[in-house]
């Protein structure tokens, strides 16, 4: 029972962090604009492929990013502090300059207007799962409790969250017409601001975790 609770807790934390940075609903509105000249079937195919690619990017970042940084001698504490700071900084930018952030995202996706195969570049990277998403995933993965009974629930919960966000990307991108009708531009902006604030809190929490580990090491050293 404790294992299930731990896995659910990790799932919810990773889901809220990844969902906030990816923002499938807001991104879907931009996706609709830059793919407006394509047929409905083409847009559904693009949505499916972007969803699959996004899952791969997030999973590789979750479970491979920390090992790559460790190869260069970067400690997990440093990774958590830096990763949390990057996440919080990204969230602050989304909150303080939401319009500029949206324009930048639209510029990234605009290259998809005329090119024949755009599912991976630019629609997956950097538009959907760019450096910000990879930073969040790496920061989350750095909390892996190696050797602890909580290790398996952590892996399963975080991986399930990445797959869930990728599925939401697929659904949102494939349902852009309905989303536009339900939310409209104003509703999408409100959701983006709420997601940005949640992400700011998560980034701060990750940074505090890293700082706490450093302080514990100093006190016991």
N, C-alpha and C. Protein backbone atom coordinates (compact mmCIF):
# COMPACT_ATOMS: atom_id res chain seq x y z
N UNK A 1 0.83 -1.21 0.00
CA UNK A 1 0.00 0.00 0.00
C UNK A 1 0.86 1.26 0.00
N UNK A 2 1.94 1.21 0.80
CA UNK A 2 2.86 2.36 0.83
C UNK A 2 3.52 2.56 -0.52
N UNK A 3 3.81 1.42 -1.20
CA UNK A 3 4.43 1.50 -2.53
C UNK A 3 3.51 2.18 -3.52
N UNK A 4 2.22 1.82 -3.46
CA UNK A 4 1.24 2.43 -4.36
C UNK A 4 1.12 3.93 -4.07
N UNK A 5 1.08 4.28 -2.78
CA UNK A 5 0.98 5.70 -2.42
C UNK A 5 2.19 6.49 -2.86
N UNK A 6 3.38 5.89 -2.72
CA UNK A 6 4.60 6.57 -3.14
C UNK A 6 4.62 6.76 -4.65
N UNK A 7 4.20 5.72 -5.38
CA UNK A 7 4.15 5.82 -6.84
C UNK A 7 3.17 6.88 -7.30
N UNK A 8 2.01 6.96 -6.64
CA UNK A 8 1.01 7.97 -6.99
C UNK A 8 1.53 9.37 -6.70
N UNK A 9 2.21 9.53 -5.57
CA UNK A 9 2.77 10.83 -5.22
C UNK A 9 3.80 11.27 -6.26
N UNK A 10 4.68 10.36 -6.68
CA UNK A 10 5.67 10.69 -7.70
C UNK A 10 5.02 10.99 -9.04
N UNK A 11 3.97 10.25 -9.34
CA UNK A 11 3.23 10.48 -10.59
C UNK A 11 2.64 11.89 -10.61
N UNK A 12 2.01 12.28 -9.51
CA UNK A 12 1.36 13.59 -9.47
C UNK A 12 2.38 14.73 -9.54
N UNK A 13 3.52 14.56 -8.85
CA UNK A 13 4.56 15.60 -8.89
C UNK A 13 5.11 15.75 -10.30
N UNK A 14 5.48 14.62 -10.92
CA UNK A 14 6.05 14.68 -12.27
C UNK A 14 5.01 15.16 -13.28
N UNK A 15 3.77 14.72 -13.12
CA UNK A 15 2.71 15.13 -14.05
C UNK A 15 2.50 16.63 -14.00
N UNK A 16 2.41 17.20 -12.79
CA UNK A 16 2.17 18.64 -12.68
C UNK A 16 3.35 19.43 -13.25
N UNK A 17 4.57 18.95 -13.01
CA UNK A 17 5.75 19.67 -13.51
C UNK A 17 5.83 19.61 -15.03
N UNK A 18 5.70 18.42 -15.58
CA UNK A 18 5.83 18.27 -17.03
C UNK A 18 4.66 18.91 -17.77
N UNK A 19 3.45 18.75 -17.22
CA UNK A 19 2.28 19.36 -17.85
C UNK A 19 2.41 20.88 -17.88
N UNK A 20 2.93 21.44 -16.79
CA UNK A 20 3.04 22.90 -16.71
C UNK A 20 4.02 23.45 -17.73
N UNK A 21 5.16 22.77 -17.93
CA UNK A 21 6.16 23.29 -18.85
C UNK A 21 5.79 23.01 -20.30
N UNK A 22 5.16 21.85 -20.56
CA UNK A 22 4.76 21.52 -21.94
C UNK A 22 3.53 22.34 -22.34
N UNK A 23 2.57 22.47 -21.39
CA UNK A 23 1.34 23.24 -21.62
C UNK A 23 0.64 22.79 -22.91
N UNK A 24 0.14 21.55 -22.95
CA UNK A 24 -0.45 21.03 -24.19
C UNK A 24 -1.60 21.86 -24.74
N UNK A 25 -2.41 22.45 -23.84
CA UNK A 25 -3.57 23.21 -24.31
C UNK A 25 -3.13 24.49 -25.03
N UNK A 26 -2.25 25.26 -24.38
CA UNK A 26 -1.77 26.49 -25.01
C UNK A 26 -0.99 26.20 -26.28
N UNK A 27 -0.16 25.14 -26.24
CA UNK A 27 0.62 24.79 -27.43
C UNK A 27 -0.28 24.34 -28.57
N UNK A 28 -1.40 23.69 -28.23
CA UNK A 28 -2.33 23.22 -29.27
C UNK A 28 -2.91 24.37 -30.06
N UNK A 29 -3.13 25.52 -29.40
CA UNK A 29 -3.68 26.67 -30.12
C UNK A 29 -2.69 27.20 -31.15
N UNK A 30 -1.40 27.18 -30.79
CA UNK A 30 -0.37 27.59 -31.75
C UNK A 30 -0.23 26.54 -32.86
N UNK A 31 -0.28 25.26 -32.47
CA UNK A 31 -0.23 24.16 -33.43
C UNK A 31 -1.33 24.32 -34.47
N UNK A 32 -2.51 24.72 -34.03
CA UNK A 32 -3.64 24.90 -34.96
C UNK A 32 -3.34 25.99 -35.97
N UNK A 33 -2.70 27.08 -35.53
CA UNK A 33 -2.41 28.20 -36.43
C UNK A 33 -1.36 27.83 -37.48
N UNK A 34 -0.30 27.13 -37.04
CA UNK A 34 0.80 26.87 -37.97
C UNK A 34 0.53 25.68 -38.88
N UNK A 35 -0.51 24.90 -38.58
CA UNK A 35 -0.85 23.76 -39.44
C UNK A 35 -2.21 23.96 -40.11
N UNK A 36 -2.68 25.20 -40.14
CA UNK A 36 -4.02 25.48 -40.66
C UNK A 36 -4.18 25.09 -42.12
N UNK A 37 -3.07 25.13 -42.90
CA UNK A 37 -3.16 24.82 -44.33
C UNK A 37 -3.14 23.33 -44.62
N UNK A 38 -2.90 22.52 -43.62
CA UNK A 38 -2.86 21.06 -43.81
C UNK A 38 -4.26 20.47 -43.64
N UNK A 39 -4.45 19.28 -44.22
CA UNK A 39 -5.74 18.61 -44.09
C UNK A 39 -5.92 18.07 -42.68
N UNK A 40 -7.16 17.73 -42.35
CA UNK A 40 -7.44 17.20 -41.02
C UNK A 40 -6.67 15.90 -40.78
N UNK A 41 -6.59 15.05 -41.79
CA UNK A 41 -5.87 13.78 -41.66
C UNK A 41 -4.38 14.02 -41.40
N UNK A 42 -3.81 15.00 -42.09
CA UNK A 42 -2.39 15.32 -41.89
C UNK A 42 -2.15 15.84 -40.47
N UNK A 43 -3.06 16.65 -39.98
CA UNK A 43 -2.89 17.19 -38.63
C UNK A 43 -3.01 16.09 -37.58
N UNK A 44 -3.91 15.13 -37.78
CA UNK A 44 -4.03 14.01 -36.86
C UNK A 44 -2.76 13.16 -36.87
N UNK A 45 -2.19 12.95 -38.05
CA UNK A 45 -0.95 12.18 -38.15
C UNK A 45 0.20 12.91 -37.46
N UNK A 46 0.27 14.22 -37.66
CA UNK A 46 1.31 15.01 -36.99
C UNK A 46 1.14 14.95 -35.48
N UNK A 47 -0.11 15.06 -35.01
CA UNK A 47 -0.38 15.02 -33.57
C UNK A 47 0.10 13.69 -32.97
N UNK A 48 -0.18 12.59 -33.66
CA UNK A 48 0.23 11.27 -33.17
C UNK A 48 1.74 11.17 -33.10
N UNK A 49 2.43 11.60 -34.15
CA UNK A 49 3.89 11.48 -34.19
C UNK A 49 4.56 12.41 -33.18
N UNK A 50 4.04 13.62 -33.02
CA UNK A 50 4.59 14.54 -32.02
C UNK A 50 4.42 13.95 -30.62
N UNK A 51 3.27 13.32 -30.37
CA UNK A 51 3.04 12.69 -29.08
C UNK A 51 4.05 11.59 -28.79
N UNK A 52 4.32 10.74 -29.78
CA UNK A 52 5.29 9.65 -29.61
C UNK A 52 6.69 10.21 -29.40
N UNK A 53 7.09 11.16 -30.23
CA UNK A 53 8.43 11.75 -30.10
C UNK A 53 8.59 12.46 -28.75
N UNK A 54 7.53 13.14 -28.31
CA UNK A 54 7.59 13.85 -27.03
C UNK A 54 7.80 12.87 -25.88
N UNK A 55 7.13 11.72 -25.95
CA UNK A 55 7.31 10.70 -24.92
C UNK A 55 8.76 10.24 -24.87
N UNK A 56 9.36 10.02 -26.03
CA UNK A 56 10.75 9.57 -26.08
C UNK A 56 11.70 10.62 -25.51
N UNK A 57 11.48 11.89 -25.86
CA UNK A 57 12.34 12.97 -25.37
C UNK A 57 12.26 13.06 -23.85
N UNK A 58 11.05 13.01 -23.30
CA UNK A 58 10.89 13.14 -21.85
C UNK A 58 11.46 11.93 -21.11
N UNK A 59 11.25 10.73 -21.64
CA UNK A 59 11.76 9.54 -20.96
C UNK A 59 13.29 9.48 -20.99
N UNK A 60 13.87 9.83 -22.13
CA UNK A 60 15.34 9.85 -22.22
C UNK A 60 15.92 10.90 -21.28
N UNK A 61 15.28 12.06 -21.21
CA UNK A 61 15.76 13.11 -20.31
C UNK A 61 15.61 12.70 -18.85
N UNK A 62 14.49 12.04 -18.52
CA UNK A 62 14.25 11.59 -17.15
C UNK A 62 15.33 10.63 -16.67
N UNK A 63 15.63 9.63 -17.49
CA UNK A 63 16.47 8.53 -17.02
C UNK A 63 17.87 8.52 -17.61
N UNK A 64 18.15 9.38 -18.57
CA UNK A 64 19.49 9.44 -19.14
C UNK A 64 20.23 10.73 -18.84
N UNK A 65 19.48 11.82 -18.62
CA UNK A 65 20.11 13.13 -18.44
C UNK A 65 21.02 13.19 -17.23
N UNK A 66 20.57 12.63 -16.10
CA UNK A 66 21.37 12.69 -14.88
C UNK A 66 22.68 11.92 -15.03
N UNK A 67 22.64 10.79 -15.75
CA UNK A 67 23.85 10.00 -15.94
C UNK A 67 24.85 10.72 -16.84
N UNK A 68 24.33 11.43 -17.84
CA UNK A 68 25.22 12.20 -18.71
C UNK A 68 25.93 13.29 -17.91
N UNK A 69 25.18 13.99 -17.07
CA UNK A 69 25.78 15.05 -16.27
C UNK A 69 26.74 14.47 -15.23
N UNK A 70 26.39 13.29 -14.69
CA UNK A 70 27.28 12.64 -13.72
C UNK A 70 28.60 12.26 -14.38
N UNK A 71 28.55 11.92 -15.67
CA UNK A 71 29.76 11.59 -16.41
C UNK A 71 30.74 12.76 -16.42
N UNK A 72 30.19 13.97 -16.41
CA UNK A 72 31.02 15.17 -16.39
C UNK A 72 31.35 15.64 -14.97
N UNK A 73 31.02 14.82 -13.97
CA UNK A 73 31.39 15.14 -12.60
C UNK A 73 30.46 16.10 -11.90
N UNK A 74 29.23 16.24 -12.40
CA UNK A 74 28.26 17.14 -11.78
C UNK A 74 27.46 16.37 -10.75
N UNK A 75 27.47 16.81 -9.49
CA UNK A 75 26.78 16.09 -8.42
C UNK A 75 25.27 16.25 -8.57
N UNK A 76 24.54 15.31 -7.93
CA UNK A 76 23.08 15.39 -7.98
C UNK A 76 22.57 16.64 -7.26
N UNK A 77 23.24 17.03 -6.20
CA UNK A 77 22.82 18.24 -5.48
C UNK A 77 22.94 19.47 -6.37
N UNK A 78 24.07 19.56 -7.08
CA UNK A 78 24.27 20.69 -8.00
C UNK A 78 23.24 20.65 -9.11
N UNK A 79 22.95 19.43 -9.60
CA UNK A 79 21.96 19.28 -10.66
C UNK A 79 20.58 19.74 -10.19
N UNK A 80 20.22 19.37 -8.96
CA UNK A 80 18.91 19.77 -8.45
C UNK A 80 18.82 21.28 -8.26
N UNK A 81 19.89 21.88 -7.75
CA UNK A 81 19.88 23.33 -7.54
C UNK A 81 19.79 24.06 -8.88
N UNK A 82 20.66 23.66 -9.82
CA UNK A 82 20.67 24.33 -11.12
C UNK A 82 19.39 24.03 -11.91
N UNK A 83 18.98 22.76 -11.89
CA UNK A 83 17.77 22.39 -12.63
C UNK A 83 16.54 23.08 -12.08
N UNK A 84 16.42 23.11 -10.74
CA UNK A 84 15.29 23.80 -10.14
C UNK A 84 15.29 25.29 -10.44
N UNK A 85 16.49 25.89 -10.45
CA UNK A 85 16.60 27.32 -10.76
C UNK A 85 16.19 27.60 -12.21
N UNK A 86 16.61 26.71 -13.12
CA UNK A 86 16.23 26.87 -14.53
C UNK A 86 14.73 26.76 -14.70
N UNK A 87 14.14 25.76 -14.04
CA UNK A 87 12.69 25.56 -14.11
C UNK A 87 11.95 26.77 -13.55
N UNK A 88 12.40 27.26 -12.38
CA UNK A 88 11.76 28.42 -11.77
C UNK A 88 11.92 29.66 -12.65
N UNK A 89 13.11 29.81 -13.25
CA UNK A 89 13.34 30.95 -14.13
C UNK A 89 12.45 30.91 -15.36
N UNK A 90 12.30 29.70 -15.91
CA UNK A 90 11.42 29.53 -17.07
C UNK A 90 9.98 29.89 -16.69
N UNK A 91 9.56 29.42 -15.52
CA UNK A 91 8.20 29.71 -15.07
C UNK A 91 8.00 31.21 -14.84
N UNK A 92 9.01 31.86 -14.27
CA UNK A 92 8.90 33.30 -14.03
C UNK A 92 8.77 34.07 -15.34
N UNK A 93 9.52 33.63 -16.35
CA UNK A 93 9.42 34.25 -17.67
C UNK A 93 8.02 34.08 -18.24
N UNK A 94 7.47 32.88 -18.05
CA UNK A 94 6.11 32.62 -18.54
C UNK A 94 5.08 33.47 -17.82
N UNK A 95 5.34 33.78 -16.55
CA UNK A 95 4.41 34.60 -15.79
C UNK A 95 4.56 36.09 -16.09
N UNK A 96 5.81 36.56 -16.10
CA UNK A 96 6.07 37.99 -16.22
C UNK A 96 5.97 38.50 -17.65
N UNK A 97 6.30 37.64 -18.61
CA UNK A 97 6.28 38.07 -20.02
C UNK A 97 5.58 37.00 -20.85
N UNK A 98 4.32 36.75 -20.51
CA UNK A 98 3.58 35.68 -21.17
C UNK A 98 3.45 35.90 -22.67
N UNK A 99 3.24 37.17 -23.07
CA UNK A 99 3.07 37.46 -24.49
C UNK A 99 4.37 37.19 -25.26
N UNK A 100 5.50 37.61 -24.68
CA UNK A 100 6.78 37.35 -25.34
C UNK A 100 7.06 35.86 -25.45
N UNK A 101 6.71 35.13 -24.38
CA UNK A 101 6.91 33.68 -24.38
C UNK A 101 6.07 33.04 -25.48
N UNK A 102 4.82 33.48 -25.63
CA UNK A 102 3.94 32.92 -26.65
C UNK A 102 4.45 33.24 -28.05
N UNK A 103 4.95 34.46 -28.24
CA UNK A 103 5.50 34.83 -29.55
C UNK A 103 6.72 33.98 -29.90
N UNK A 104 7.57 33.72 -28.90
CA UNK A 104 8.75 32.89 -29.14
C UNK A 104 8.35 31.48 -29.53
N UNK A 105 7.36 30.92 -28.82
CA UNK A 105 6.90 29.57 -29.12
C UNK A 105 6.28 29.51 -30.52
N UNK A 106 5.54 30.56 -30.87
CA UNK A 106 4.93 30.58 -32.20
C UNK A 106 6.00 30.68 -33.28
N UNK A 107 7.07 31.44 -32.99
CA UNK A 107 8.18 31.54 -33.94
C UNK A 107 8.87 30.20 -34.14
N UNK A 108 9.00 29.42 -33.06
CA UNK A 108 9.61 28.11 -33.17
C UNK A 108 8.78 27.18 -34.06
N UNK A 109 7.47 27.26 -33.90
CA UNK A 109 6.58 26.38 -34.66
C UNK A 109 6.32 26.86 -36.07
N UNK A 110 6.59 28.14 -36.35
CA UNK A 110 6.27 28.71 -37.65
C UNK A 110 7.00 28.02 -38.80
N UNK A 111 8.14 27.41 -38.51
CA UNK A 111 8.89 26.71 -39.55
C UNK A 111 8.14 25.49 -40.06
N UNK A 112 7.09 25.10 -39.36
CA UNK A 112 6.32 23.93 -39.78
C UNK A 112 5.32 24.25 -40.89
N UNK A 113 5.18 25.52 -41.22
CA UNK A 113 4.13 25.91 -42.16
C UNK A 113 4.30 25.29 -43.54
N UNK A 114 5.51 25.30 -44.07
CA UNK A 114 5.67 24.84 -45.44
C UNK A 114 6.44 23.55 -45.62
N UNK A 115 7.20 23.13 -44.63
CA UNK A 115 8.05 21.94 -44.77
C UNK A 115 7.20 20.68 -44.77
N UNK A 116 7.65 19.63 -45.51
CA UNK A 116 6.86 18.41 -45.61
C UNK A 116 6.84 17.56 -44.34
N UNK A 117 8.00 17.35 -43.70
CA UNK A 117 8.08 16.49 -42.52
C UNK A 117 8.59 17.32 -41.35
N UNK A 118 7.66 17.69 -40.48
CA UNK A 118 7.99 18.61 -39.39
C UNK A 118 7.66 18.04 -38.02
N UNK A 119 7.36 16.74 -37.96
CA UNK A 119 6.88 16.16 -36.71
C UNK A 119 7.94 16.25 -35.60
N UNK A 120 9.21 15.91 -35.93
CA UNK A 120 10.23 15.97 -34.90
C UNK A 120 10.79 17.38 -34.77
N UNK A 121 11.24 17.95 -35.89
CA UNK A 121 11.74 19.33 -35.88
C UNK A 121 10.91 20.14 -36.87
N UNK A 122 10.26 21.21 -36.44
CA UNK A 122 10.39 21.86 -35.12
C UNK A 122 9.25 21.56 -34.14
N UNK A 123 8.27 20.70 -34.53
CA UNK A 123 7.07 20.58 -33.70
C UNK A 123 7.30 19.85 -32.38
N UNK A 124 8.21 18.86 -32.39
CA UNK A 124 8.54 18.21 -31.11
C UNK A 124 9.64 18.99 -30.40
N UNK A 125 10.76 19.17 -31.10
CA UNK A 125 11.87 19.98 -30.59
C UNK A 125 12.14 21.09 -31.58
N UNK A 126 12.14 22.34 -31.15
CA UNK A 126 12.06 22.79 -29.74
C UNK A 126 10.67 23.20 -29.28
N UNK A 127 9.64 23.08 -30.16
CA UNK A 127 8.35 23.68 -29.83
C UNK A 127 7.65 23.00 -28.65
N UNK A 128 7.46 21.69 -28.71
CA UNK A 128 6.70 21.00 -27.67
C UNK A 128 7.56 20.61 -26.47
N UNK A 129 8.64 19.93 -26.72
CA UNK A 129 9.53 19.48 -25.63
C UNK A 129 10.94 20.00 -25.90
N UNK A 130 11.13 21.27 -25.65
CA UNK A 130 12.42 21.92 -25.87
C UNK A 130 13.31 21.86 -24.65
N UNK A 131 14.29 22.75 -24.58
CA UNK A 131 15.24 22.75 -23.46
C UNK A 131 14.57 22.88 -22.08
N UNK A 132 13.50 23.66 -22.00
CA UNK A 132 12.81 23.82 -20.72
C UNK A 132 12.23 22.50 -20.23
N UNK A 133 11.56 21.77 -21.11
CA UNK A 133 11.00 20.47 -20.74
C UNK A 133 12.08 19.49 -20.37
N UNK A 134 13.18 19.48 -21.12
CA UNK A 134 14.28 18.57 -20.82
C UNK A 134 14.91 18.90 -19.47
N UNK A 135 15.00 20.19 -19.14
CA UNK A 135 15.53 20.59 -17.83
C UNK A 135 14.64 20.10 -16.70
N UNK A 136 13.33 20.23 -16.88
CA UNK A 136 12.39 19.76 -15.87
C UNK A 136 12.53 18.25 -15.69
N UNK A 137 12.58 17.52 -16.80
CA UNK A 137 12.67 16.06 -16.73
C UNK A 137 13.96 15.62 -16.06
N UNK A 138 15.08 16.26 -16.41
CA UNK A 138 16.37 15.90 -15.81
C UNK A 138 16.35 16.21 -14.31
N UNK A 139 15.78 17.36 -13.94
CA UNK A 139 15.71 17.73 -12.52
C UNK A 139 14.84 16.73 -11.75
N UNK A 140 13.74 16.28 -12.35
CA UNK A 140 12.90 15.28 -11.70
C UNK A 140 13.65 13.95 -11.56
N UNK A 141 14.33 13.54 -12.64
CA UNK A 141 15.06 12.28 -12.61
C UNK A 141 16.20 12.28 -11.61
N UNK A 142 16.74 13.46 -11.32
CA UNK A 142 17.86 13.54 -10.38
C UNK A 142 17.45 13.18 -8.96
N UNK A 143 16.14 13.15 -8.69
CA UNK A 143 15.64 12.79 -7.36
C UNK A 143 15.48 11.29 -7.18
N UNK A 144 15.92 10.50 -8.14
CA UNK A 144 15.78 9.05 -8.07
C UNK A 144 16.43 8.50 -6.80
N UNK A 145 15.67 7.86 -5.91
CA UNK A 145 16.23 7.33 -4.65
C UNK A 145 16.91 5.97 -4.87
N UNK A 146 18.12 5.99 -5.38
CA UNK A 146 18.84 4.77 -5.72
C UNK A 146 19.05 3.91 -4.47
N UNK A 147 18.72 2.61 -4.61
CA UNK A 147 18.91 1.68 -3.50
C UNK A 147 17.82 1.72 -2.45
N UNK A 148 16.83 2.58 -2.62
CA UNK A 148 15.74 2.71 -1.65
C UNK A 148 14.53 1.91 -2.12
N UNK A 149 13.68 1.44 -1.18
CA UNK A 149 12.44 0.76 -1.57
C UNK A 149 11.53 1.64 -2.42
N UNK A 150 11.76 2.95 -2.35
CA UNK A 150 10.93 3.89 -3.12
C UNK A 150 11.42 4.05 -4.56
N UNK A 151 12.49 3.34 -4.94
CA UNK A 151 13.08 3.53 -6.26
C UNK A 151 12.13 3.07 -7.38
N UNK A 152 11.56 1.87 -7.24
CA UNK A 152 10.66 1.37 -8.28
C UNK A 152 9.40 2.22 -8.41
N UNK A 153 8.72 2.57 -7.30
CA UNK A 153 7.56 3.46 -7.43
C UNK A 153 7.91 4.80 -8.07
N UNK A 154 9.13 5.30 -7.77
CA UNK A 154 9.57 6.57 -8.36
C UNK A 154 9.68 6.44 -9.88
N UNK A 155 10.33 5.36 -10.32
CA UNK A 155 10.53 5.14 -11.76
C UNK A 155 9.19 4.97 -12.47
N UNK A 156 8.32 4.13 -11.89
CA UNK A 156 7.03 3.86 -12.52
C UNK A 156 6.15 5.11 -12.53
N UNK A 157 6.11 5.82 -11.41
CA UNK A 157 5.27 7.01 -11.33
C UNK A 157 5.72 8.11 -12.27
N UNK A 158 7.04 8.39 -12.31
CA UNK A 158 7.56 9.45 -13.17
C UNK A 158 7.42 9.09 -14.65
N UNK A 159 7.68 7.82 -14.98
CA UNK A 159 7.55 7.38 -16.38
C UNK A 159 6.10 7.46 -16.83
N UNK A 160 5.18 7.04 -15.95
CA UNK A 160 3.76 7.12 -16.29
C UNK A 160 3.33 8.56 -16.51
N UNK A 161 3.89 9.49 -15.73
CA UNK A 161 3.56 10.91 -15.89
C UNK A 161 4.04 11.43 -17.25
N UNK A 162 5.26 11.03 -17.65
CA UNK A 162 5.78 11.45 -18.96
C UNK A 162 4.90 10.92 -20.08
N UNK A 163 4.48 9.66 -19.98
CA UNK A 163 3.62 9.07 -21.00
C UNK A 163 2.25 9.74 -21.01
N UNK A 164 1.75 10.10 -19.82
CA UNK A 164 0.45 10.77 -19.74
C UNK A 164 0.50 12.14 -20.40
N UNK A 165 1.57 12.89 -20.16
CA UNK A 165 1.70 14.22 -20.78
C UNK A 165 1.82 14.08 -22.30
N UNK A 166 2.58 13.08 -22.75
CA UNK A 166 2.71 12.84 -24.20
C UNK A 166 1.35 12.50 -24.80
N UNK A 167 0.56 11.70 -24.08
CA UNK A 167 -0.78 11.35 -24.56
C UNK A 167 -1.67 12.60 -24.62
N UNK A 168 -1.52 13.48 -23.64
CA UNK A 168 -2.30 14.73 -23.65
C UNK A 168 -1.90 15.62 -24.82
N UNK A 169 -0.59 15.63 -25.16
CA UNK A 169 -0.13 16.37 -26.33
C UNK A 169 -0.82 15.81 -27.58
N UNK A 170 -0.81 14.51 -27.72
CA UNK A 170 -1.44 13.84 -28.87
C UNK A 170 -2.92 14.23 -28.95
N UNK A 171 -3.62 14.11 -27.83
CA UNK A 171 -5.06 14.41 -27.81
C UNK A 171 -5.32 15.89 -28.09
N UNK A 172 -4.55 16.77 -27.43
CA UNK A 172 -4.78 18.21 -27.59
C UNK A 172 -4.48 18.66 -29.02
N UNK A 173 -3.36 18.20 -29.59
CA UNK A 173 -3.00 18.60 -30.94
C UNK A 173 -3.99 18.04 -31.96
N UNK A 174 -4.53 16.86 -31.67
CA UNK A 174 -5.50 16.27 -32.58
C UNK A 174 -6.91 16.82 -32.41
N UNK A 175 -7.13 17.62 -31.36
CA UNK A 175 -8.47 18.15 -31.07
C UNK A 175 -8.46 19.67 -31.01
N UNK A 176 -7.60 20.29 -31.80
CA UNK A 176 -7.43 21.74 -31.71
C UNK A 176 -8.71 22.51 -31.99
N UNK A 177 -9.53 22.02 -32.93
CA UNK A 177 -10.76 22.74 -33.26
C UNK A 177 -11.70 22.78 -32.07
N UNK A 178 -11.81 21.65 -31.35
CA UNK A 178 -12.69 21.61 -30.18
C UNK A 178 -12.14 22.49 -29.06
N UNK A 179 -10.84 22.45 -28.87
CA UNK A 179 -10.22 23.25 -27.81
C UNK A 179 -10.43 24.73 -28.07
N UNK A 180 -10.27 25.14 -29.33
CA UNK A 180 -10.49 26.54 -29.68
C UNK A 180 -11.92 26.95 -29.35
N UNK A 181 -12.87 26.04 -29.60
CA UNK A 181 -14.26 26.35 -29.31
C UNK A 181 -14.54 26.41 -27.82
N UNK A 182 -13.92 25.54 -27.04
CA UNK A 182 -14.17 25.50 -25.60
C UNK A 182 -13.53 26.66 -24.85
N UNK A 183 -12.24 26.88 -25.12
CA UNK A 183 -11.49 27.84 -24.32
C UNK A 183 -11.41 29.22 -24.96
N UNK A 184 -11.02 29.23 -26.22
CA UNK A 184 -10.72 30.50 -26.86
C UNK A 184 -9.37 31.02 -26.39
N UNK A 185 -8.84 32.05 -27.02
CA UNK A 185 -7.53 32.59 -26.64
C UNK A 185 -7.43 33.03 -25.19
N UNK A 186 -8.50 33.67 -24.66
CA UNK A 186 -8.45 34.17 -23.28
C UNK A 186 -8.35 33.02 -22.29
N UNK A 187 -9.14 31.97 -22.49
CA UNK A 187 -9.10 30.83 -21.60
C UNK A 187 -7.75 30.13 -21.63
N UNK A 188 -7.14 30.05 -22.82
CA UNK A 188 -5.82 29.42 -22.94
C UNK A 188 -4.77 30.22 -22.17
N UNK A 189 -4.87 31.56 -22.22
CA UNK A 189 -3.90 32.40 -21.50
C UNK A 189 -4.03 32.20 -19.98
N UNK A 190 -5.28 32.10 -19.50
CA UNK A 190 -5.49 31.87 -18.07
C UNK A 190 -4.87 30.55 -17.64
N UNK A 191 -5.08 29.50 -18.43
CA UNK A 191 -4.51 28.19 -18.11
C UNK A 191 -2.99 28.24 -18.14
N UNK A 192 -2.43 28.99 -19.08
CA UNK A 192 -0.97 29.11 -19.17
C UNK A 192 -0.41 29.79 -17.93
N UNK A 193 -1.09 30.84 -17.44
CA UNK A 193 -0.61 31.54 -16.24
C UNK A 193 -0.68 30.63 -15.01
N UNK A 194 -1.76 29.87 -14.87
CA UNK A 194 -1.88 28.96 -13.74
C UNK A 194 -0.80 27.88 -13.79
N UNK A 195 -0.54 27.36 -14.98
CA UNK A 195 0.50 26.34 -15.15
C UNK A 195 1.87 26.93 -14.81
N UNK A 196 2.11 28.17 -15.21
CA UNK A 196 3.39 28.80 -14.96
C UNK A 196 3.62 28.99 -13.46
N UNK A 197 2.57 29.38 -12.73
CA UNK A 197 2.71 29.56 -11.29
C UNK A 197 3.00 28.23 -10.60
N UNK A 198 2.30 27.19 -11.01
CA UNK A 198 2.54 25.86 -10.44
C UNK A 198 3.97 25.42 -10.72
N UNK A 199 4.44 25.68 -11.93
CA UNK A 199 5.80 25.30 -12.30
C UNK A 199 6.83 26.07 -11.48
N UNK A 200 6.55 27.34 -11.19
CA UNK A 200 7.45 28.14 -10.35
C UNK A 200 7.59 27.52 -8.96
N UNK A 201 6.47 27.06 -8.41
CA UNK A 201 6.51 26.42 -7.09
C UNK A 201 7.31 25.12 -7.14
N UNK A 202 7.14 24.34 -8.21
CA UNK A 202 7.85 23.07 -8.33
C UNK A 202 9.35 23.31 -8.50
N UNK A 203 9.71 24.28 -9.32
CA UNK A 203 11.13 24.60 -9.50
C UNK A 203 11.78 25.04 -8.20
N UNK A 204 11.06 25.84 -7.42
CA UNK A 204 11.57 26.28 -6.12
C UNK A 204 11.76 25.09 -5.19
N UNK A 205 10.80 24.16 -5.21
CA UNK A 205 10.90 22.98 -4.35
C UNK A 205 12.10 22.12 -4.71
N UNK A 206 12.35 21.93 -6.00
CA UNK A 206 13.50 21.14 -6.45
C UNK A 206 14.80 21.80 -6.00
N UNK A 207 14.89 23.13 -6.14
CA UNK A 207 16.09 23.86 -5.71
C UNK A 207 16.29 23.73 -4.21
N UNK A 208 15.22 23.86 -3.44
CA UNK A 208 15.33 23.74 -1.99
C UNK A 208 15.82 22.34 -1.59
N UNK A 209 15.37 21.32 -2.33
CA UNK A 209 15.84 19.97 -2.05
C UNK A 209 17.34 19.84 -2.23
N UNK A 210 17.87 20.46 -3.30
CA UNK A 210 19.31 20.43 -3.54
C UNK A 210 20.08 21.19 -2.49
N UNK A 211 19.58 22.36 -2.12
CA UNK A 211 20.24 23.17 -1.09
C UNK A 211 20.25 22.44 0.25
N UNK A 212 19.15 21.79 0.58
CA UNK A 212 19.07 21.03 1.84
C UNK A 212 20.11 19.92 1.88
N UNK A 213 20.29 19.23 0.76
CA UNK A 213 21.29 18.16 0.71
C UNK A 213 22.70 18.71 0.92
N UNK A 214 23.00 19.85 0.30
CA UNK A 214 24.33 20.46 0.46
C UNK A 214 24.55 20.86 1.91
N UNK A 215 23.55 21.47 2.54
CA UNK A 215 23.67 21.91 3.92
C UNK A 215 23.84 20.72 4.87
N UNK A 216 23.13 19.63 4.59
CA UNK A 216 23.28 18.42 5.41
C UNK A 216 24.70 17.88 5.32
N UNK A 217 25.25 17.91 4.09
CA UNK A 217 26.62 17.43 3.90
C UNK A 217 27.63 18.28 4.63
N UNK A 218 27.40 19.59 4.64
CA UNK A 218 28.32 20.50 5.34
C UNK A 218 28.25 20.31 6.84
N UNK A 219 27.02 20.16 7.34
CA UNK A 219 26.84 20.02 8.79
C UNK A 219 27.41 18.70 9.31
N UNK A 220 27.30 17.63 8.49
CA UNK A 220 27.79 16.34 8.93
C UNK A 220 29.27 16.15 8.56
N UNK A 221 29.78 17.09 7.74
CA UNK A 221 31.18 16.99 7.35
C UNK A 221 32.10 17.60 8.38
